[in-house]
Amino acid sequence: MYAIIESGGKQYRVEEGSRLRVEGLAVEEGSQITLDRVLLLGGESLRIGAPYVDGARVTAEVLEHGRGEKIRVFKKWRRNDARKLQGHRQPYTALRVTSILDSR
C-alpha cells in the first residue's frame, strides 16, 4: 500500500518504511507524528480524496532535523556597478513512515 501525502506545500509518495525529507516541522526528534493530509491511497484499490481522503492518515517517526545544502543567489544590475550575493540553507525534517492507516 502506498499513499500520496501533502506537507509543507509539497506532495510526497510514501510507503511503509520509506524515508523522506519534508520542510522543517516543529516536533522533537524521536517522536511520532501523524500526517492527515492524505491525497491518495493506492494498492489493491485506489482511493482519491476531494481534496483529502476521509479517515486516512500516515504515522511517521521523526529521525532528525537539519539544513540542506547551501544555494547561492546572485543578482546583478546591468550598467550599474551593483550586485548582491546571498546564501540560503533550507531547514528540513527527516521522517521514516511507520504505518499507513485507512479507517474505511
N, C-alpha and C. Protein backbone atom coordinates (compact mmCIF):
# COMPACT_ATOMS: atom_id res chain seq x y z
N MET A 1 0.85 -1.17 0.00
CA MET A 1 0.00 0.00 0.00
C MET A 1 0.89 1.24 0.00
N TYR A 2 0.50 2.24 -0.75
CA TYR A 2 1.22 3.50 -0.77
C TYR A 2 0.23 4.64 -0.61
N ALA A 3 0.76 5.81 -0.33
CA ALA A 3 -0.07 6.99 -0.14
C ALA A 3 0.66 8.20 -0.71
N ILE A 4 -0.10 9.18 -1.12
CA ILE A 4 0.45 10.46 -1.51
C ILE A 4 -0.01 11.46 -0.46
N ILE A 5 0.96 12.08 0.22
CA ILE A 5 0.65 13.00 1.30
C ILE A 5 1.10 14.40 0.93
N GLU A 6 0.57 15.36 1.66
CA GLU A 6 0.94 16.75 1.46
C GLU A 6 1.56 17.28 2.76
N SER A 7 2.72 17.91 2.63
CA SER A 7 3.37 18.50 3.80
C SER A 7 4.22 19.67 3.32
N GLY A 8 4.01 20.81 3.92
CA GLY A 8 4.80 21.98 3.57
C GLY A 8 4.54 22.48 2.16
N GLY A 9 3.35 22.25 1.63
CA GLY A 9 3.02 22.71 0.29
C GLY A 9 3.55 21.81 -0.81
N LYS A 10 4.13 20.67 -0.46
CA LYS A 10 4.66 19.74 -1.45
C LYS A 10 3.99 18.38 -1.28
N GLN A 11 4.04 17.56 -2.32
CA GLN A 11 3.41 16.25 -2.28
C GLN A 11 4.49 15.18 -2.35
N TYR A 12 4.30 14.10 -1.56
CA TYR A 12 5.27 13.02 -1.48
C TYR A 12 4.55 11.69 -1.61
N ARG A 13 5.17 10.75 -2.34
CA ARG A 13 4.66 9.38 -2.44
C ARG A 13 5.41 8.56 -1.41
N VAL A 14 4.69 7.93 -0.48
CA VAL A 14 5.32 7.20 0.62
C VAL A 14 4.77 5.78 0.71
N GLU A 15 5.59 4.89 1.23
CA GLU A 15 5.21 3.53 1.57
C GLU A 15 5.68 3.27 2.98
N GLU A 16 5.25 2.18 3.57
CA GLU A 16 5.70 1.85 4.92
C GLU A 16 7.20 1.57 4.89
N GLY A 17 7.91 2.19 5.82
CA GLY A 17 9.36 2.00 5.89
C GLY A 17 10.16 2.99 5.07
N SER A 18 9.52 3.80 4.26
CA SER A 18 10.27 4.75 3.43
C SER A 18 10.70 5.96 4.25
N ARG A 19 11.80 6.56 3.81
CA ARG A 19 12.33 7.76 4.46
C ARG A 19 12.14 8.93 3.53
N LEU A 20 11.87 10.09 4.10
CA LEU A 20 11.71 11.28 3.28
C LEU A 20 12.09 12.51 4.07
N ARG A 21 12.40 13.58 3.34
CA ARG A 21 12.72 14.87 3.94
C ARG A 21 11.60 15.84 3.58
N VAL A 22 11.00 16.42 4.61
CA VAL A 22 9.94 17.41 4.41
C VAL A 22 10.43 18.75 4.93
N GLU A 23 9.67 19.79 4.67
CA GLU A 23 10.01 21.11 5.20
C GLU A 23 10.09 21.03 6.72
N GLY A 24 10.88 21.88 7.33
CA GLY A 24 11.11 21.83 8.77
C GLY A 24 9.83 21.88 9.58
N LEU A 25 9.64 20.91 10.48
CA LEU A 25 8.47 20.83 11.35
C LEU A 25 8.90 21.08 12.79
N ALA A 26 8.02 21.64 13.58
CA ALA A 26 8.32 21.95 14.98
C ALA A 26 7.93 20.78 15.87
N VAL A 27 8.64 19.66 15.74
CA VAL A 27 8.43 18.49 16.58
C VAL A 27 9.80 18.01 17.05
N GLU A 28 9.82 17.22 18.12
CA GLU A 28 11.08 16.75 18.67
C GLU A 28 11.55 15.48 17.98
N GLU A 29 12.85 15.29 17.94
CA GLU A 29 13.43 14.08 17.35
C GLU A 29 13.03 12.86 18.18
N GLY A 30 12.74 11.77 17.50
CA GLY A 30 12.34 10.54 18.18
C GLY A 30 10.86 10.43 18.45
N SER A 31 10.10 11.49 18.22
CA SER A 31 8.66 11.44 18.49
C SER A 31 7.90 10.94 17.26
N GLN A 32 6.65 10.59 17.49
CA GLN A 32 5.76 10.14 16.41
C GLN A 32 4.93 11.33 15.93
N ILE A 33 4.68 11.37 14.64
CA ILE A 33 3.86 12.44 14.06
C ILE A 33 2.81 11.80 13.17
N THR A 34 1.63 12.39 13.16
CA THR A 34 0.54 11.90 12.31
C THR A 34 0.29 12.91 11.22
N LEU A 35 0.35 12.44 9.98
CA LEU A 35 0.09 13.29 8.82
C LEU A 35 -1.29 12.91 8.29
N ASP A 36 -2.24 13.83 8.40
CA ASP A 36 -3.61 13.51 8.00
C ASP A 36 -4.00 14.12 6.66
N ARG A 37 -3.10 14.79 6.00
CA ARG A 37 -3.39 15.34 4.68
C ARG A 37 -3.01 14.30 3.62
N VAL A 38 -3.83 13.27 3.50
CA VAL A 38 -3.60 12.19 2.55
C VAL A 38 -4.43 12.48 1.31
N LEU A 39 -3.77 12.62 0.18
CA LEU A 39 -4.46 12.96 -1.07
C LEU A 39 -4.93 11.72 -1.82
N LEU A 40 -4.18 10.61 -1.70
CA LEU A 40 -4.49 9.41 -2.45
C LEU A 40 -3.99 8.19 -1.69
N LEU A 41 -4.76 7.12 -1.73
CA LEU A 41 -4.34 5.82 -1.19
C LEU A 41 -4.34 4.82 -2.32
N GLY A 42 -3.25 4.12 -2.49
CA GLY A 42 -3.15 3.16 -3.58
C GLY A 42 -2.79 1.79 -3.05
N GLY A 43 -2.93 0.81 -3.90
CA GLY A 43 -2.66 -0.58 -3.53
C GLY A 43 -3.59 -1.46 -4.32
N GLU A 44 -4.33 -2.33 -3.61
CA GLU A 44 -5.30 -3.18 -4.28
C GLU A 44 -6.44 -2.36 -4.87
N SER A 45 -6.88 -1.36 -4.13
CA SER A 45 -7.91 -0.45 -4.64
C SER A 45 -7.40 0.98 -4.50
N LEU A 46 -7.88 1.84 -5.34
CA LEU A 46 -7.42 3.22 -5.37
C LEU A 46 -8.49 4.12 -4.77
N ARG A 47 -8.08 4.97 -3.80
CA ARG A 47 -8.99 5.95 -3.22
C ARG A 47 -8.40 7.34 -3.42
N ILE A 48 -9.19 8.19 -4.04
CA ILE A 48 -8.75 9.55 -4.33
C ILE A 48 -9.57 10.50 -3.48
N GLY A 49 -8.90 11.43 -2.83
CA GLY A 49 -9.58 12.38 -1.96
C GLY A 49 -10.09 13.58 -2.72
N ALA A 50 -10.98 14.32 -2.07
CA ALA A 50 -11.52 15.53 -2.67
C ALA A 50 -11.56 16.64 -1.63
N PRO A 51 -10.53 17.29 -1.22
CA PRO A 51 -9.14 17.10 -1.63
C PRO A 51 -8.40 16.04 -0.81
N TYR A 52 -8.91 15.67 0.38
CA TYR A 52 -8.22 14.68 1.20
C TYR A 52 -9.09 13.45 1.38
N VAL A 53 -8.46 12.29 1.59
CA VAL A 53 -9.18 11.04 1.82
C VAL A 53 -9.67 11.03 3.27
N ASP A 54 -10.97 10.82 3.45
CA ASP A 54 -11.56 10.81 4.80
C ASP A 54 -11.08 9.61 5.59
N GLY A 55 -10.63 9.85 6.82
CA GLY A 55 -10.24 8.78 7.72
C GLY A 55 -8.87 8.18 7.47
N ALA A 56 -8.15 8.65 6.47
CA ALA A 56 -6.82 8.10 6.18
C ALA A 56 -5.77 8.96 6.86
N ARG A 57 -4.73 8.29 7.37
CA ARG A 57 -3.64 9.03 7.98
C ARG A 57 -2.36 8.21 7.88
N VAL A 58 -1.25 8.90 7.96
CA VAL A 58 0.06 8.29 7.88
C VAL A 58 0.81 8.65 9.16
N THR A 59 1.36 7.66 9.84
CA THR A 59 2.16 7.94 11.02
C THR A 59 3.63 7.75 10.66
N ALA A 60 4.46 8.64 11.21
CA ALA A 60 5.88 8.61 10.91
C ALA A 60 6.68 8.93 12.16
N GLU A 61 7.92 8.48 12.16
CA GLU A 61 8.84 8.76 13.26
C GLU A 61 9.81 9.85 12.80
N VAL A 62 10.05 10.82 13.67
CA VAL A 62 10.95 11.92 13.34
C VAL A 62 12.38 11.43 13.60
N LEU A 63 13.20 11.41 12.56
CA LEU A 63 14.57 10.93 12.68
C LEU A 63 15.53 12.04 13.06
N GLU A 64 15.49 13.16 12.34
CA GLU A 64 16.42 14.25 12.62
C GLU A 64 15.92 15.55 12.01
N HIS A 65 16.51 16.62 12.48
CA HIS A 65 16.31 17.94 11.89
C HIS A 65 17.66 18.37 11.32
N GLY A 66 17.62 19.12 10.25
CA GLY A 66 18.87 19.57 9.66
C GLY A 66 18.63 20.71 8.70
N ARG A 67 19.69 21.06 7.99
CA ARG A 67 19.62 22.11 6.99
C ARG A 67 20.21 21.56 5.71
N GLY A 68 19.57 21.86 4.59
CA GLY A 68 20.01 21.37 3.31
C GLY A 68 21.29 22.05 2.84
N GLU A 69 21.71 21.71 1.63
CA GLU A 69 22.92 22.29 1.08
C GLU A 69 22.70 23.76 0.78
N LYS A 70 23.78 24.50 0.82
CA LYS A 70 23.70 25.93 0.57
C LYS A 70 23.49 26.19 -0.91
N ILE A 71 22.55 27.08 -1.20
CA ILE A 71 22.39 27.58 -2.56
C ILE A 71 22.81 29.04 -2.55
N ARG A 72 23.33 29.49 -3.66
CA ARG A 72 23.77 30.88 -3.76
C ARG A 72 22.85 31.62 -4.71
N VAL A 73 22.41 32.78 -4.27
CA VAL A 73 21.53 33.63 -5.06
C VAL A 73 22.35 34.86 -5.44
N PHE A 74 22.60 35.02 -6.75
CA PHE A 74 23.41 36.14 -7.23
C PHE A 74 22.55 37.04 -8.10
N LYS A 75 22.53 38.32 -7.79
CA LYS A 75 21.77 39.29 -8.57
C LYS A 75 22.73 40.38 -9.03
N LYS A 76 22.57 40.79 -10.29
CA LYS A 76 23.42 41.84 -10.85
C LYS A 76 22.55 42.76 -11.67
N TRP A 77 22.76 44.06 -11.50
CA TRP A 77 22.02 45.04 -12.26
C TRP A 77 22.95 45.59 -13.33
N ARG A 78 22.52 45.52 -14.58
CA ARG A 78 23.38 45.94 -15.67
C ARG A 78 23.53 47.46 -15.70
N ARG A 79 24.65 47.88 -16.24
CA ARG A 79 25.02 49.29 -16.39
C ARG A 79 25.17 50.00 -15.05
N ASN A 80 25.06 49.29 -13.99
CA ASN A 80 25.33 49.82 -12.66
C ASN A 80 26.42 48.93 -12.06
N ASP A 81 27.21 49.49 -11.22
CA ASP A 81 28.21 48.66 -10.58
C ASP A 81 27.58 48.09 -9.30
N ALA A 82 26.45 47.38 -9.48
CA ALA A 82 25.71 46.90 -8.33
C ALA A 82 25.47 45.41 -8.48
N ARG A 83 25.72 44.69 -7.42
CA ARG A 83 25.46 43.26 -7.40
C ARG A 83 25.26 42.83 -5.96
N LYS A 84 24.61 41.67 -5.80
CA LYS A 84 24.31 41.17 -4.46
C LYS A 84 24.44 39.65 -4.49
N LEU A 85 25.10 39.10 -3.50
CA LEU A 85 25.25 37.66 -3.37
C LEU A 85 24.68 37.24 -2.01
N GLN A 86 23.75 36.29 -2.05
CA GLN A 86 23.15 35.77 -0.83
C GLN A 86 23.27 34.26 -0.81
N GLY A 87 23.33 33.68 0.37
CA GLY A 87 23.30 32.24 0.53
C GLY A 87 22.07 31.84 1.33
N HIS A 88 21.62 30.60 1.12
CA HIS A 88 20.43 30.13 1.83
C HIS A 88 20.55 28.63 2.05
N ARG A 89 20.16 28.19 3.27
CA ARG A 89 20.08 26.77 3.58
C ARG A 89 18.69 26.50 4.14
N GLN A 90 17.94 25.65 3.45
CA GLN A 90 16.56 25.37 3.82
C GLN A 90 16.51 24.33 4.93
N PRO A 91 15.80 24.60 6.04
CA PRO A 91 15.68 23.58 7.09
C PRO A 91 14.76 22.44 6.66
N TYR A 92 15.09 21.22 7.12
CA TYR A 92 14.27 20.05 6.79
C TYR A 92 14.09 19.19 8.03
N THR A 93 13.12 18.29 7.95
CA THR A 93 12.88 17.27 8.96
C THR A 93 12.86 15.92 8.25
N ALA A 94 13.70 15.00 8.70
CA ALA A 94 13.75 13.65 8.11
C ALA A 94 12.75 12.76 8.84
N LEU A 95 11.92 12.04 8.08
CA LEU A 95 10.89 11.17 8.64
C LEU A 95 11.06 9.75 8.11
N ARG A 96 10.63 8.77 8.93
CA ARG A 96 10.50 7.39 8.48
C ARG A 96 9.05 6.99 8.68
N VAL A 97 8.39 6.56 7.62
CA VAL A 97 6.98 6.20 7.68
C VAL A 97 6.84 4.85 8.39
N THR A 98 6.03 4.81 9.44
CA THR A 98 5.84 3.57 10.19
C THR A 98 4.55 2.84 9.77
N SER A 99 3.49 3.59 9.46
CA SER A 99 2.26 2.90 9.04
C SER A 99 1.38 3.83 8.24
N ILE A 100 0.58 3.21 7.39
CA ILE A 100 -0.44 3.91 6.60
C ILE A 100 -1.77 3.32 7.02
N LEU A 101 -2.63 4.15 7.60
CA LEU A 101 -3.90 3.67 8.15
C LEU A 101 -5.07 4.18 7.33
N ASP A 102 -6.03 3.31 7.11
CA ASP A 102 -7.24 3.64 6.39
C ASP A 102 -8.42 3.15 7.21
N SER A 103 -9.24 4.06 7.71
CA SER A 103 -10.37 3.65 8.56
C SER A 103 -11.66 3.56 7.75
N ARG A 104 -11.59 2.83 6.67
CA ARG A 104 -12.76 2.64 5.83
C ARG A 104 -13.54 1.45 6.28
